[in-house]
Structure formats: C-alpha cells, structure tokens
Amino acid sequence: MHKPLLVTDFLDRARTHYADTEAVVATTGERYTYAELAERADRFSAALQARGIEKGDRVAVLDPNTHYHLEAAYGSMQLGAVHMPLNYRLTPEDFSYMLEDADVDAIYADYEYAGKIESIRDEVPTETFITNDVDAVEGGEADEAGRSSSDESDSGWESFDAVLEEAGTEYDRPEMAEDDIITINYTSGTTGDPKGVCRTHRAETIHAYVTCVHQGIGDDDVYLWTLPMFHVNGWGHIYAITGMGAKHVCTRGVDAGGIFEAIQTEDVSYMCGAPTVLNMLIDYYGENDPETTGANDVRIATAGSAPPEATIRTVEDEFGWYLKHVYGATETGPLITTSDARRHFDDDSRDRFAVKKRQGLSFLGTEVRVVDEDGNDVPRDNSTVGEIVVSGNQVMEKYWNKPEETEAAFSDRIEGYYHMGDLAVVDENGMISIQDRKKDIIISGGENISSIELEDTLFEHEAVSDVAVIPAPSEEWGETPKAFVVPANGDPDEPGVTVDELVEFTRDNLASYKAVKRVEFVEQLPTTATGKVQKYELREQEWEDEDQMVGQG
C-alpha cells in the first residue's frame, strides 16, 4: 500500500505514544510533555488559520533553539503552510531580501531578534507578526521568563502565548501530498544572493528516517540543541527527535559552560556541533576541568570540514564521548554520508581517527559519487580528485524562483545529480574524503595541494587556535599555500610563534612541496552566519591585483 510521507506524522506519533512523556525542557524553565507540546502546536495552527494562513502560504520563524520554534514549525506545517526558518545571525537587509523573495505571509520572531524585523516591516509583504515578548519589541520590560504581559503592541506585534490562549485547539487540517513543498531553507549565501532551498514532505521525512538510523536515535535519547534549528531544520532533528519520542533540551545559543552543565543536569546523550563548537568545548575543558557526562553516555555529531585528529582524540579519549563525522549541504537534506563505519576501524585503535576524519560512506538510499570532469567515477585509489555528486530522496526539489540555478546545480558534470562543489578522493572502501572546494584547491608547480591537509597539520601546533589556508599568487609557482593563523594567545602582533617556525613545522610533517610558504597572523577569520570560514574573502584579498583568481601553476 502507499501511505503519503508527511512531516506532520512525527508529532502525531509522539502525541499518540508519548503523550505523558517529557518532550521539551524550555529555556524559560517550563517542561512540556508531548501532549502539551502538541496542544500548543495545535493552538498555533488555529491562530494562523484564523489570520488567513492557508496551505502553501509561507510562515517564517526567527528564533534560537527554544520551544517556541518547535511549536511554530509544527503549527505551520499542520496547515500545509511552508515552514521557513531564518538564520537569526543575519542582518535586517538579509531578512528583507528573503521575506520578499519568498513572499512570506506571517512571521514569528523571538523577542531578541524581532527588532531586526521591525526595522524592515514596511519593505516586506508580511501582515501577521507574532513574538514571545511584545514589550521587548518596543523597548519595554519583559518578565523573568523573557515574556511580556501585553497581548499586542501598538505597532501590531502579537504575543505568542496570548495568541495561543485565545485560539483554542480546533483547526482544519487540509489534505496534503508528500510532494508538496513544506520547507524553504535559505542558503548562507557565501557568494551572490541567498537561494531558497525547497524541500518536500517526502524529502524531509526520508531524511529524518535515515538520520534516526545512522545517528542511532531512540526514545530514551536526551538531545541538547547546540545546533541551530534554523540550519536545515536542525539537520532534520526537529523531526527525528520528535518522531522517536526523545527529549528536546532547548538553548538560546552555544555556551561551553552551559553545555557541560546541561549534560550533567539533564543527562544529555546526544548533540551536534561544528568543529568550532568542539574547539570551544576543548578550550573550556582545559581551563575548567568540568565533568563531561551525566547518567548517559554522550555521542556527538560534527559536520563540515574534517576536525583535526587532535580534536577527535580529545573528544573521545578525554571527554569519553563518541564522535560521528557526517557531511552534506542545505540542498541535500543535509546529511548524506557518515564516517561511522565500525567495520572499518577498531574502537580502541588510534587508526580510527584517520577514518573519522573522512566524510565517509553514503547514507541509506543515497548514491554518493566522486566524478571527474567528464562525469566518470574516479578510481578508489585515495588520490584521484573529483567532484562529489549525490542522488537521493532527501535532496531538494528546487531553488525557490530560480530555475536556471536549479538546472545548473543538477547538470554540470553529470545529469540528474546534485553537484556539491566539493572535491574529494575515494579510498578502497568507498569512503570519501574532501580535499577542497572546487575553487580552493592549490595547484603549485603542477602539483595539487590540499588546503585541508595543511590546515589539519597546522592545527596540531600548540600556538595555533584557528587557521585557513588558501592559494596565494606566486610568480615562480603560479600559486603557493598561504595560511591565515589565529594565534592561541589571541595576539597577532606577538603570536608566540614565528612564521619560519610554522613553515618548518609543516615541512617536517608533510611532503616538502606541500609545506605552507606564507603565514599571516590575524585576530579572527571571516565566517558566514553559520560559522563557515569564508575563504573567498581571503582569496579576493590576496588576488585583488591579479587579472584572474587562479594561478598558472
């Protein structure tokens, strides 16, 4: 038989089987069962419907990782409305573009960020504005829980809790199809305008299914929200954790001390964190020596660039956590691969670090290939570089209102596959390992040099806190590796290490042709709002006097 795959099934399952089980630990101090979470979502659905929101309308959510975000997301999707989470680190100008581009019909904004929306209200098509603290939008005083007692501000902002109380729980849930668009996630836009990634019920559901499998999510898990819910729907965890009946521990941002405290007080068993979060936790651990586990064992998923082996060693050997390295993109769900391939490493062997650095094997139901410029698979020799392409049920439907960009994303080297833009090699087990972005590979004197390998080596030096390596122009070699280094002591003027020492360090640990040739000490690296290093800014800085952005190496 055929049953449509709908994202509403996740909360429906939880309310059926885990009604009296604690679902959410809120940042405001409340604790909600799944019955209570579901009722609040129902009330938000009723409130939106009363304000004219229908199936297909876009509802934006601007919120850190609070229970309001979960309620607004499910409340919208139960109407068949399109959930559109916004990155709260962006500027009002960014929000103006996205809200107008998607023709958003309603917005819920957390009190801390609603001011950014208020400043652009006249520029966007939205008519319904809801916040969890009306007074804060106008500069008033909130209560101890961060909420105001007013129902509505003079400027038309409505109180989330007051709206829920007034609405009741009755609403008409429309008939939905699994191929309907149900979320739009805007890319971080490292170049050009952000693009709205459109995902269907089916794509979100299957992604959540395979995430549950590969991340080992069960109903006894306690999930700490260190990963932004806005980031591809929290890598699908707003669905996976809910559907499995596990517990959400909400946060208002990443704080190392708060993470270790929550692990202790809430017995956290699972969380996600970018390599920068891992570094933050390691620094805090070194200075404060906190307890690293509560009653439960802890596992953590990290994604993006491979964390240095030193980072993985600390997390696993000193924290006692189990680390999984996953990989993907906004357009792919995001997750498409995992390094958690235990038949390829021994838990007690140091060889596991080399495996866990790799982006790994494809998720169930996902075809991940590495192809050359002609669309042919590269050999499994761990040295031939190609571009990663992917085909899977969790891949996006399209970019919102951008047919040409959609076509290009699926048709560059090979038709019908989404092109990741990452260059990788494949080992004998079929595990992929990213070597660089397409535009970031360093070709020096005809030799390919991986900036990631150089960064990983420099991370091993005790005087290096953060680093990005790019190709810099060279008259002799065409391109040569240059490292932008954030010193561990935070002082680029007196970094505690010399350029020559770092150059020699890379020469001692790598083939001589791979050694970094130039080093610049900086206070910080440029990053996107989601924490990705914007290497293109560094490249533009280095190549501004050149005719083109590549060297003739």
Protein backbone atom coordinates (compact mmCIF):
# COMPACT_ATOMS: atom_id res chain seq x y z
CA MET A 1 0.00 0.00 0.00
CA HIS A 2 1.00 3.60 -0.39
CA LYS A 3 0.80 6.00 2.53
CA PRO A 4 1.91 9.59 1.92
CA LEU A 5 5.03 10.60 3.81
CA LEU A 6 4.11 13.77 5.73
CA VAL A 7 6.15 15.71 8.28
CA THR A 8 3.05 16.04 10.45
CA ASP A 9 3.36 12.32 11.20
CA PHE A 10 6.30 12.94 13.53
CA LEU A 11 4.39 14.97 16.11
CA ASP A 12 1.28 12.84 15.60
CA ARG A 13 3.26 9.72 16.51
CA ALA A 14 4.77 11.37 19.57
CA ARG A 15 1.39 12.57 20.88
CA THR A 16 -0.06 9.09 20.35
CA HIS A 17 2.65 7.05 22.04
CA TYR A 18 4.45 9.51 24.34
CA ALA A 19 1.69 11.88 25.42
CA ASP A 20 2.66 11.91 29.11
CA THR A 21 6.42 11.74 28.50
CA GLU A 22 8.55 14.85 28.89
CA ALA A 23 9.16 16.28 25.44
CA VAL A 24 10.81 19.65 25.95
CA VAL A 25 12.96 21.34 28.54
CA ALA A 26 12.32 25.00 27.74
CA THR A 27 14.78 27.87 28.11
CA THR A 28 12.12 29.68 30.15
CA GLY A 29 12.08 26.98 32.82
CA GLU A 30 8.91 25.15 31.82
CA ARG A 31 8.83 21.48 30.93
CA TYR A 32 6.29 20.20 28.43
CA THR A 33 5.05 16.70 27.75
CA TYR A 34 4.35 15.62 24.18
CA ALA A 35 0.64 16.11 24.81
CA GLU A 36 1.31 19.68 25.90
CA LEU A 37 3.70 20.37 23.02
CA ALA A 38 1.16 19.03 20.55
CA GLU A 39 -1.63 21.13 22.07
CA ARG A 40 0.46 24.28 21.78
CA ALA A 41 1.22 23.43 18.14
CA ASP A 42 -2.49 22.87 17.52
CA ARG A 43 -3.30 26.25 19.04
CA PHE A 44 -0.72 27.93 16.82
CA SER A 45 -2.29 26.20 13.81
CA ALA A 46 -5.70 27.51 14.84
CA ALA A 47 -4.31 31.01 15.38
CA LEU A 48 -2.66 31.12 11.96
CA GLN A 49 -5.76 29.77 10.26
CA ALA A 50 -7.85 32.47 11.94
CA ARG A 51 -5.47 35.03 10.45
CA GLY A 52 -5.96 33.71 6.94
CA ILE A 53 -2.93 31.42 6.61
CA GLU A 54 -3.63 28.56 4.22
CA LYS A 55 -1.90 25.60 2.66
CA GLY A 56 1.10 26.77 0.63
CA ASP A 57 1.49 30.10 2.41
CA ARG A 58 4.96 30.82 3.79
CA VAL A 59 5.45 31.26 7.54
CA ALA A 60 8.87 32.47 8.67
CA VAL A 61 10.35 31.58 12.06
CA LEU A 62 13.15 33.68 13.52
CA ASP A 63 14.12 32.07 16.78
CA PRO A 64 17.04 30.48 18.61
CA ASN A 65 16.58 26.94 19.84
CA THR A 66 13.50 27.42 22.01
CA HIS A 67 10.22 25.55 22.39
CA TYR A 68 8.52 28.37 20.50
CA HIS A 69 10.46 27.40 17.38
CA LEU A 70 9.19 23.81 17.57
CA GLU A 71 5.61 24.95 18.15
CA ALA A 72 5.69 27.48 15.33
CA ALA A 73 7.21 24.96 12.92
CA TYR A 74 4.68 22.21 13.58
CA GLY A 75 1.83 24.70 13.93
CA SER A 76 2.61 25.98 10.43
CA MET A 77 3.16 22.61 8.81
CA GLN A 78 -0.08 21.17 10.21
CA LEU A 79 -1.84 23.71 7.98
CA GLY A 80 0.23 22.69 4.99
CA ALA A 81 1.90 26.08 5.23
CA VAL A 82 5.58 26.25 4.30
CA HIS A 83 7.92 26.45 7.29
CA MET A 84 10.72 28.94 6.61
CA PRO A 85 13.31 29.14 9.40
CA LEU A 86 15.54 32.21 9.36
CA ASN A 87 19.14 32.49 10.48
CA TYR A 88 18.98 34.86 13.45
CA ARG A 89 22.60 35.94 12.91
CA LEU A 90 21.78 37.71 9.65
CA THR A 91 21.13 41.40 9.11
CA PRO A 92 17.78 43.16 8.57
CA GLU A 93 18.79 43.63 4.93
CA ASP A 94 19.20 39.85 4.58
CA PHE A 95 15.78 39.27 6.12
CA SER A 96 14.22 41.86 3.85
CA TYR A 97 15.51 40.02 0.79
CA MET A 98 14.38 36.59 1.99
CA LEU A 99 10.93 37.64 3.19
CA GLU A 100 10.23 39.47 -0.04
CA ASP A 101 11.76 36.75 -2.22
CA ALA A 102 9.56 34.08 -0.61
CA ASP A 103 6.53 36.39 -0.35
CA VAL A 104 6.16 35.45 3.32
CA ASP A 105 2.64 35.70 4.77
CA ALA A 106 3.34 35.53 8.52
CA ILE A 107 6.30 35.62 10.85
CA TYR A 108 7.03 34.56 14.39
CA ALA A 109 10.14 36.26 15.79
CA ASP A 110 11.79 35.74 19.15
CA TYR A 111 11.95 38.87 21.32
CA GLU A 112 15.74 39.08 20.99
CA TYR A 113 15.58 39.32 17.18
CA ALA A 114 12.17 40.83 16.42
CA GLY A 115 13.73 44.29 16.29
CA LYS A 116 15.51 43.29 13.09
CA ILE A 117 12.14 42.51 11.53
CA GLU A 118 10.51 45.63 12.95
CA SER A 119 13.10 47.79 11.18
CA ILE A 120 12.10 46.40 7.76
CA ARG A 121 8.35 45.91 8.20
CA ASP A 122 7.45 48.42 5.52
CA GLU A 123 9.61 46.57 2.99
CA VAL A 124 8.11 43.09 3.27
CA PRO A 125 4.73 41.60 2.27
CA THR A 126 4.06 40.05 5.70
CA GLU A 127 0.91 41.05 7.59
CA THR A 128 0.98 38.81 10.66
CA PHE A 129 3.72 39.47 13.23
CA ILE A 130 3.95 37.36 16.39
CA THR A 131 6.60 37.42 19.11
CA ASN A 132 7.11 35.84 22.52
CA ASP A 133 7.72 39.25 24.12
CA VAL A 134 5.67 42.18 22.85
CA ASP A 135 7.22 44.75 25.19
CA ALA A 136 10.77 43.92 24.14
CA VAL A 137 9.97 44.80 20.53
CA GLU A 138 9.14 48.32 21.64
CA GLY A 139 11.88 48.52 24.23
CA GLY A 140 9.69 47.70 27.24
CA GLU A 141 10.38 45.43 30.18
CA ALA A 142 9.88 41.68 29.97
CA ASP A 143 9.13 39.38 32.87
CA GLU A 144 11.67 36.97 34.33
CA ALA A 145 10.89 34.36 31.68
CA GLY A 146 11.59 36.85 28.91
CA ARG A 147 7.92 37.47 28.10
CA SER A 148 5.67 40.47 28.49
CA SER A 149 2.18 40.66 29.88
CA SER A 150 0.85 42.68 26.94
CA ASP A 151 -1.24 40.89 24.32
CA GLU A 152 -0.32 43.20 21.48
CA SER A 153 1.97 46.16 20.93
CA ASP A 154 0.93 49.46 19.40
CA SER A 155 2.89 48.51 16.29
CA GLY A 156 0.82 45.37 15.74
CA TRP A 157 3.04 42.66 17.18
CA GLU A 158 1.00 39.94 18.88
CA SER A 159 2.00 37.87 21.91
CA PHE A 160 2.64 34.19 21.11
CA ASP A 161 1.25 32.91 24.41
CA ALA A 162 -1.77 35.22 24.31
CA VAL A 163 -2.48 34.17 20.72
CA LEU A 164 -2.37 30.51 21.77
CA GLU A 165 -4.67 31.05 24.72
CA GLU A 166 -7.21 32.87 22.59
CA ALA A 167 -7.11 30.46 19.66
CA GLY A 168 -8.28 27.18 21.12
CA THR A 169 -7.19 23.86 19.65
CA GLU A 170 -9.61 23.39 16.75
CA TYR A 171 -8.42 23.89 13.18
CA ASP A 172 -8.99 22.31 9.81
CA ARG A 173 -6.00 20.28 8.66
CA PRO A 174 -6.02 20.24 4.85
CA GLU A 175 -5.27 17.23 2.70
CA MET A 176 -1.57 17.19 1.90
CA ALA A 177 0.54 15.29 -0.62
CA GLU A 178 4.07 14.07 0.02
CA ASP A 179 5.34 16.01 -2.99
CA ASP A 180 4.08 19.35 -1.63
CA ILE A 181 6.77 21.87 -0.69
CA ILE A 182 6.76 22.12 3.11
CA THR A 183 10.03 23.92 3.96
CA ILE A 184 12.21 26.60 2.44
CA ASN A 185 15.71 26.93 3.87
CA TYR A 186 17.83 29.80 2.61
CA THR A 187 21.49 29.13 1.94
CA SER A 188 24.07 31.20 3.77
CA GLY A 189 24.99 32.92 0.52
CA THR A 190 28.79 32.99 0.53
CA THR A 191 28.50 34.40 -2.99
CA GLY A 192 25.56 36.22 -4.52
CA ASP A 193 22.04 36.38 -3.13
CA PRO A 194 20.84 33.60 -0.82
CA LYS A 195 18.86 30.86 -2.52
CA GLY A 196 15.70 29.33 -1.09
CA VAL A 197 16.09 25.56 -0.95
CA CYS A 198 12.65 23.96 -1.41
CA ARG A 199 12.05 20.62 0.26
CA THR A 200 9.00 18.38 0.18
CA HIS A 201 7.24 16.37 2.87
CA ARG A 202 8.76 13.27 1.33
CA ALA A 203 12.32 14.63 1.31
CA GLU A 204 12.13 15.82 4.92
CA THR A 205 10.56 12.56 6.09
CA ILE A 206 13.04 10.22 4.44
CA HIS A 207 15.95 12.35 5.62
CA ALA A 208 14.64 12.10 9.17
CA TYR A 209 14.24 8.34 8.82
CA VAL A 210 17.83 7.77 7.69
CA THR A 211 19.11 10.21 10.31
CA CYS A 212 17.42 8.15 13.01
CA VAL A 213 19.15 5.05 11.68
CA HIS A 214 22.64 6.41 11.19
CA GLN A 215 22.65 8.57 14.32
CA GLY A 216 21.11 5.81 16.42
CA ILE A 217 18.28 7.96 17.78
CA GLY A 218 15.96 6.25 20.26
CA ASP A 219 13.10 7.27 22.55
CA ASP A 220 15.46 7.31 25.55
CA ASP A 221 17.72 9.93 23.98
CA VAL A 222 18.13 13.36 25.54
CA TYR A 223 19.07 15.75 22.75
CA LEU A 224 20.80 19.05 23.52
CA TRP A 225 20.12 21.77 20.95
CA THR A 226 23.64 23.09 20.29
CA LEU A 227 22.96 23.03 16.53
CA PRO A 228 20.75 25.89 15.26
CA MET A 229 17.20 24.78 14.48
CA PHE A 230 17.25 27.16 11.54
CA HIS A 231 20.14 25.26 9.93
CA VAL A 232 18.34 22.87 7.55
CA ASN A 233 15.73 22.32 10.26
CA GLY A 234 18.46 21.45 12.72
CA TRP A 235 19.79 18.76 10.35
CA GLY A 236 16.31 17.24 10.47
CA HIS A 237 16.31 16.81 14.24
CA ILE A 238 13.11 18.80 14.73
CA TYR A 239 11.52 15.76 13.06
CA ALA A 240 13.74 12.87 14.16
CA ILE A 241 13.87 13.66 17.88
CA THR A 242 10.13 14.40 17.95
CA GLY A 243 9.04 11.36 15.98
CA MET A 244 11.09 9.00 18.11
CA GLY A 245 9.64 10.43 21.31
CA ALA A 246 13.04 11.58 22.60
CA LYS A 247 13.58 14.69 24.71
CA HIS A 248 14.49 18.16 23.40
CA VAL A 249 16.69 20.28 25.69
CA CYS A 250 16.39 23.80 24.31
CA THR A 251 19.00 26.56 24.42
CA ARG A 252 19.41 30.20 23.49
CA GLY A 253 22.79 29.79 21.87
CA VAL A 254 26.04 27.93 22.34
CA ASP A 255 27.86 28.42 25.62
CA ALA A 256 30.57 25.92 26.57
CA GLY A 257 29.90 26.10 30.30
CA GLY A 258 26.16 25.77 29.70
CA ILE A 259 26.69 22.71 27.51
CA PHE A 260 28.68 20.88 30.17
CA GLU A 261 26.15 21.92 32.81
CA ALA A 262 23.21 20.66 30.73
CA ILE A 263 24.99 17.36 30.11
CA GLN A 264 25.17 16.94 33.88
CA THR A 265 21.73 18.22 34.91
CA GLU A 266 19.69 16.76 32.04
CA ASP A 267 21.76 13.63 31.39
CA VAL A 268 22.25 14.57 27.75
CA SER A 269 23.04 11.63 25.49
CA TYR A 270 23.27 13.20 22.04
CA MET A 271 24.08 16.53 20.42
CA CYS A 272 25.63 18.05 17.30
CA GLY A 273 28.34 20.62 16.91
CA ALA A 274 30.52 22.14 14.22
CA PRO A 275 34.31 21.82 14.62
CA THR A 276 34.33 25.36 16.04
CA VAL A 277 31.99 24.20 18.82
CA LEU A 278 34.29 21.28 19.55
CA ASN A 279 37.21 23.70 19.87
CA MET A 280 35.19 25.88 22.23
CA LEU A 281 34.40 22.89 24.42
CA ILE A 282 38.03 21.75 24.42
CA ASP A 283 39.24 25.21 25.48
CA TYR A 284 36.69 25.35 28.29
CA TYR A 285 37.57 21.84 29.40
CA GLY A 286 41.26 22.72 29.55
CA GLU A 287 40.60 25.74 31.75
CA ASN A 288 37.80 24.40 33.99
CA ASP A 289 38.02 20.57 34.00
CA PRO A 290 34.23 20.02 34.10
CA GLU A 291 32.51 16.66 34.31
CA THR A 292 31.86 15.57 30.73
CA THR A 293 28.98 13.10 31.17
CA GLY A 294 25.89 12.68 33.27
CA ALA A 295 23.99 9.42 33.72
CA ASN A 296 24.09 8.75 29.97
CA ASP A 297 26.95 8.11 27.59
CA VAL A 298 27.37 11.00 25.17
CA ARG A 299 27.72 10.89 21.40
CA ILE A 300 28.24 13.96 19.24
CA ALA A 301 27.92 14.51 15.51
CA THR A 302 30.09 17.05 13.74
CA ALA A 303 29.98 18.13 10.10
CA GLY A 304 31.64 20.36 7.59
CA SER A 305 35.40 20.35 7.27
CA ALA A 306 37.05 17.39 8.94
CA PRO A 307 38.06 18.17 12.53
CA PRO A 308 41.77 17.74 13.20
CA GLU A 309 42.84 14.39 14.63
CA ALA A 310 43.90 16.19 17.81
CA THR A 311 40.32 17.39 18.27
CA ILE A 312 38.85 13.93 17.79
CA ARG A 313 41.38 12.46 20.22
CA THR A 314 40.44 14.94 22.93
CA VAL A 315 36.68 14.47 22.45
CA GLU A 316 36.89 10.69 22.54
CA ASP A 317 39.84 9.94 24.82
CA GLU A 318 39.45 12.76 27.35
CA PHE A 319 35.74 13.63 27.23
CA GLY A 320 34.76 9.99 26.83
CA TRP A 321 32.28 10.82 24.04
CA TYR A 322 31.70 9.01 20.77
CA LEU A 323 32.17 11.25 17.72
CA LYS A 324 30.45 10.79 14.38
CA HIS A 325 31.56 12.83 11.39
CA VAL A 326 28.73 13.48 8.91
CA TYR A 327 28.54 15.52 5.73
CA GLY A 328 26.03 17.23 3.50
CA ALA A 329 24.62 20.56 2.38
CA THR A 330 21.44 22.58 2.73
CA GLU A 331 20.38 21.31 -0.67
CA THR A 332 20.79 17.65 0.33
CA GLY A 333 18.80 17.45 3.49
CA PRO A 334 21.59 17.96 4.66
CA LEU A 335 23.09 14.62 5.69
CA ILE A 336 24.30 12.21 3.00
CA THR A 337 27.41 10.48 4.43
CA THR A 338 28.81 9.22 7.73
CA SER A 339 32.23 8.20 8.99
CA ASP A 340 30.58 5.84 11.49
CA ALA A 341 31.62 2.65 9.71
CA ARG A 342 32.72 0.40 12.55
CA ARG A 343 33.70 -2.49 10.35
CA HIS A 344 36.45 -0.23 9.03
CA PHE A 345 38.00 0.68 12.39
CA ASP A 346 38.53 -0.62 15.90
CA ASP A 347 37.08 1.49 18.72
CA ASP A 348 40.27 1.01 20.72
CA SER A 349 42.68 1.72 17.88
CA ARG A 350 44.23 5.08 17.13
CA ASP A 351 43.67 4.24 13.47
CA ARG A 352 40.02 5.18 13.98
CA PHE A 353 40.91 8.88 13.90
CA ALA A 354 42.02 8.68 10.27
CA VAL A 355 38.68 7.06 9.38
CA LYS A 356 36.59 9.51 11.39
CA LYS A 357 38.20 12.44 9.61
CA ARG A 358 36.75 11.20 6.34
CA GLN A 359 33.28 12.29 5.28
CA GLY A 360 32.69 8.57 4.89
CA LEU A 361 30.09 6.29 3.37
CA SER A 362 26.73 7.22 1.90
CA PHE A 363 23.54 7.16 3.96
CA LEU A 364 20.94 4.50 3.25
CA GLY A 365 19.09 5.14 0.00
CA THR A 366 21.66 7.72 -1.05
CA GLU A 367 24.01 7.48 -4.01
CA VAL A 368 27.18 9.47 -3.48
CA ARG A 369 29.75 9.51 -6.27
CA VAL A 370 33.01 11.28 -6.96
CA VAL A 371 33.34 12.05 -10.67
CA ASP A 372 35.89 13.62 -12.98
CA GLU A 373 35.16 16.47 -15.37
CA ASP A 374 33.64 14.03 -17.87
CA GLY A 375 31.24 12.58 -15.29
CA ASN A 376 33.16 9.33 -14.84
CA ASP A 377 33.75 7.85 -11.38
CA VAL A 378 37.29 8.38 -10.13
CA PRO A 379 39.22 5.24 -9.11
CA ARG A 380 39.25 4.14 -5.47
CA ASP A 381 42.92 4.99 -5.10
CA ASN A 382 42.61 7.68 -2.41
CA SER A 383 44.50 10.11 -4.62
CA THR A 384 42.49 10.92 -7.77
CA VAL A 385 40.40 14.02 -7.12
CA GLY A 386 36.86 14.53 -8.43
CA GLU A 387 33.70 16.39 -7.52
CA ILE A 388 31.13 14.89 -5.15
CA VAL A 389 27.68 14.43 -6.70
CA VAL A 390 24.66 12.97 -4.98
CA SER A 391 21.29 11.43 -5.79
CA GLY A 392 18.84 10.67 -3.00
CA ASN A 393 15.30 11.04 -1.76
CA GLN A 394 16.40 13.73 0.70
CA VAL A 395 17.80 16.05 -2.00
CA MET A 396 15.97 19.32 -2.59
CA GLU A 397 13.19 19.78 -5.11
CA LYS A 398 14.43 23.11 -6.45
CA TYR A 399 15.58 26.61 -5.61
CA TRP A 400 12.68 28.94 -4.99
CA ASN A 401 12.01 31.01 -8.12
CA LYS A 402 15.44 30.19 -9.56
CA PRO A 403 15.00 27.68 -12.41
CA GLU A 404 18.35 28.43 -14.05
CA GLU A 405 20.29 27.94 -10.81
CA THR A 406 18.33 24.74 -10.18
CA GLU A 407 19.20 23.40 -13.61
CA ALA A 408 22.89 24.25 -13.17
CA ALA A 409 23.05 22.54 -9.79
CA PHE A 410 21.89 19.24 -11.30
CA SER A 411 23.62 19.25 -14.68
CA ASP A 412 27.26 20.33 -14.54
CA ARG A 413 29.45 17.21 -14.77
CA ILE A 414 26.66 14.65 -14.88
CA GLU A 415 22.90 14.93 -15.41
CA GLY A 416 20.46 14.25 -12.60
CA TYR A 417 22.84 14.54 -9.64
CA TYR A 418 23.18 17.46 -7.27
CA HIS A 419 26.71 18.83 -7.53
CA MET A 420 28.18 19.53 -4.10
CA GLY A 421 31.03 21.77 -5.23
CA ASP A 422 33.46 19.81 -3.05
CA LEU A 423 36.48 17.98 -4.40
CA ALA A 424 37.26 14.61 -2.87
CA VAL A 425 39.08 11.31 -3.17
CA VAL A 426 37.71 7.80 -2.57
CA ASP A 427 39.51 5.01 -0.71
CA GLU A 428 39.30 1.26 -1.29
CA ASN A 429 36.23 1.02 0.97
CA GLY A 430 34.34 3.69 -0.92
CA MET A 431 34.79 6.27 1.85
CA ILE A 432 35.10 9.78 0.54
CA SER A 433 37.45 12.42 1.89
CA ILE A 434 37.07 16.06 0.89
CA GLN A 435 40.26 17.68 -0.33
CA ASP A 436 38.92 21.14 -1.06
CA ARG A 437 36.24 23.25 -2.58
CA LYS A 438 36.47 23.40 -6.35
CA LYS A 439 37.91 26.92 -6.26
CA ASP A 440 40.17 26.32 -3.26
CA ILE A 441 42.43 23.52 -4.44
CA ILE A 442 46.01 24.75 -4.58
CA ILE A 443 47.90 23.91 -7.77
CA SER A 444 51.53 24.81 -7.22
CA GLY A 445 54.08 23.95 -9.87
CA GLY A 446 51.67 21.42 -11.34
CA GLU A 447 51.16 19.64 -8.01
CA ASN A 448 47.78 19.50 -6.28
CA ILE A 449 47.94 20.53 -2.62
CA SER A 450 45.05 20.05 -0.20
CA SER A 451 44.43 23.11 1.94
CA ILE A 452 42.57 20.87 4.41
CA GLU A 453 45.65 18.71 4.90
CA LEU A 454 47.73 21.82 5.57
CA GLU A 455 45.14 23.21 7.98
CA ASP A 456 44.96 19.90 9.81
CA THR A 457 48.75 19.90 10.21
CA LEU A 458 48.88 23.48 11.47
CA PHE A 459 46.07 22.74 13.95
CA GLU A 460 48.47 20.32 15.61
CA HIS A 461 50.79 23.18 16.59
CA GLU A 462 50.12 24.40 20.11
CA ALA A 463 50.43 28.06 19.10
CA VAL A 464 47.61 27.79 16.52
CA SER A 465 44.00 28.34 17.57
CA ASP A 466 42.36 28.58 14.14
CA VAL A 467 43.64 28.58 10.58
CA ALA A 468 42.54 28.86 6.96
CA VAL A 469 44.82 28.03 4.03
CA ILE A 470 44.27 29.41 0.53
CA PRO A 471 46.27 29.64 -2.68
CA ALA A 472 48.22 32.89 -2.95
CA PRO A 473 49.70 34.15 -6.24
CA SER A 474 53.31 33.22 -6.92
CA GLU A 475 55.43 34.30 -9.87
CA GLU A 476 57.52 31.14 -9.54
CA TRP A 477 54.86 28.50 -8.88
CA GLY A 478 51.65 30.13 -10.11
CA GLU A 479 50.08 29.51 -6.71
CA THR A 480 51.57 28.87 -3.31
CA PRO A 481 49.91 27.95 0.01
CA LYS A 482 49.29 30.78 2.44
CA ALA A 483 47.97 30.32 5.96
CA PHE A 484 45.90 32.85 7.90
CA VAL A 485 46.53 31.92 11.52
CA VAL A 486 44.65 32.94 14.65
CA PRO A 487 47.25 32.58 17.45
CA ALA A 488 46.33 30.59 20.53
CA ASN A 489 47.22 33.60 22.69
CA GLY A 490 44.90 35.82 20.64
CA ASP A 491 47.61 38.37 19.83
CA PRO A 492 48.55 38.55 16.13
CA ASP A 493 51.28 41.09 16.89
CA GLU A 494 53.00 38.81 19.42
CA PRO A 495 51.70 35.38 18.40
CA GLY A 496 54.16 33.31 20.40
CA VAL A 497 55.49 31.60 17.26
CA THR A 498 57.32 32.81 14.16
CA VAL A 499 56.42 32.43 10.53
CA ASP A 500 59.57 30.40 9.95
CA GLU A 501 58.68 28.02 12.78
CA LEU A 502 55.25 27.30 11.30
CA VAL A 503 56.70 26.86 7.80
CA GLU A 504 59.25 24.42 9.17
CA PHE A 505 56.54 22.63 11.18
CA THR A 506 54.56 21.89 8.02
CA ARG A 507 57.74 20.89 6.18
CA ASP A 508 58.58 18.43 8.96
CA ASN A 509 55.13 16.82 8.85
CA LEU A 510 54.32 16.84 5.13
CA ALA A 511 55.99 16.34 1.79
CA SER A 512 58.19 19.37 1.19
CA TYR A 513 56.18 20.60 -1.79
CA LYS A 514 53.07 20.76 0.42
CA ALA A 515 54.63 22.98 3.06
CA VAL A 516 52.97 26.33 3.67
CA LYS A 517 55.09 29.11 2.18
CA ARG A 518 53.45 32.19 3.69
CA VAL A 519 51.77 32.94 7.00
CA GLU A 520 49.73 35.92 8.16
CA PHE A 521 48.62 36.24 11.79
CA VAL A 522 45.08 37.60 12.28
CA GLU A 523 42.69 38.20 15.17
CA GLN A 524 39.89 36.18 13.55
CA LEU A 525 38.86 34.54 10.30
CA PRO A 526 35.91 35.80 8.24
CA THR A 527 32.93 33.47 8.63
CA THR A 528 29.36 33.15 7.44
CA ALA A 529 26.49 33.44 9.91
CA THR A 530 26.55 29.66 10.33
CA GLY A 531 30.25 29.59 11.20
CA LYS A 532 31.74 28.53 7.86
CA VAL A 533 35.07 30.17 7.05
CA GLN A 534 34.64 32.45 4.05
CA LYS A 535 37.79 31.60 2.18
CA TYR A 536 36.64 33.55 -0.83
CA GLU A 537 37.12 36.78 1.15
CA LEU A 538 40.71 35.80 1.86
CA ARG A 539 41.19 34.84 -1.80
CA GLU A 540 39.83 38.19 -3.00
CA GLN A 541 42.19 39.96 -0.64
CA GLU A 542 45.19 38.02 -1.95
CA TRP A 543 44.30 38.20 -5.64
CA GLU A 544 42.95 41.74 -5.91
CA ASP A 545 45.93 42.90 -8.00
CA GLU A 546 45.78 39.92 -10.36
CA ASP A 547 43.87 39.59 -13.63
CA GLN A 548 42.24 36.33 -12.53
CA MET A 549 41.60 34.38 -9.36
CA VAL A 550 43.74 31.36 -10.26
CA GLY A 551 47.46 30.90 -10.74
CA GLN A 552 49.11 29.34 -13.74
CA GLY A 553 50.67 26.55 -11.69
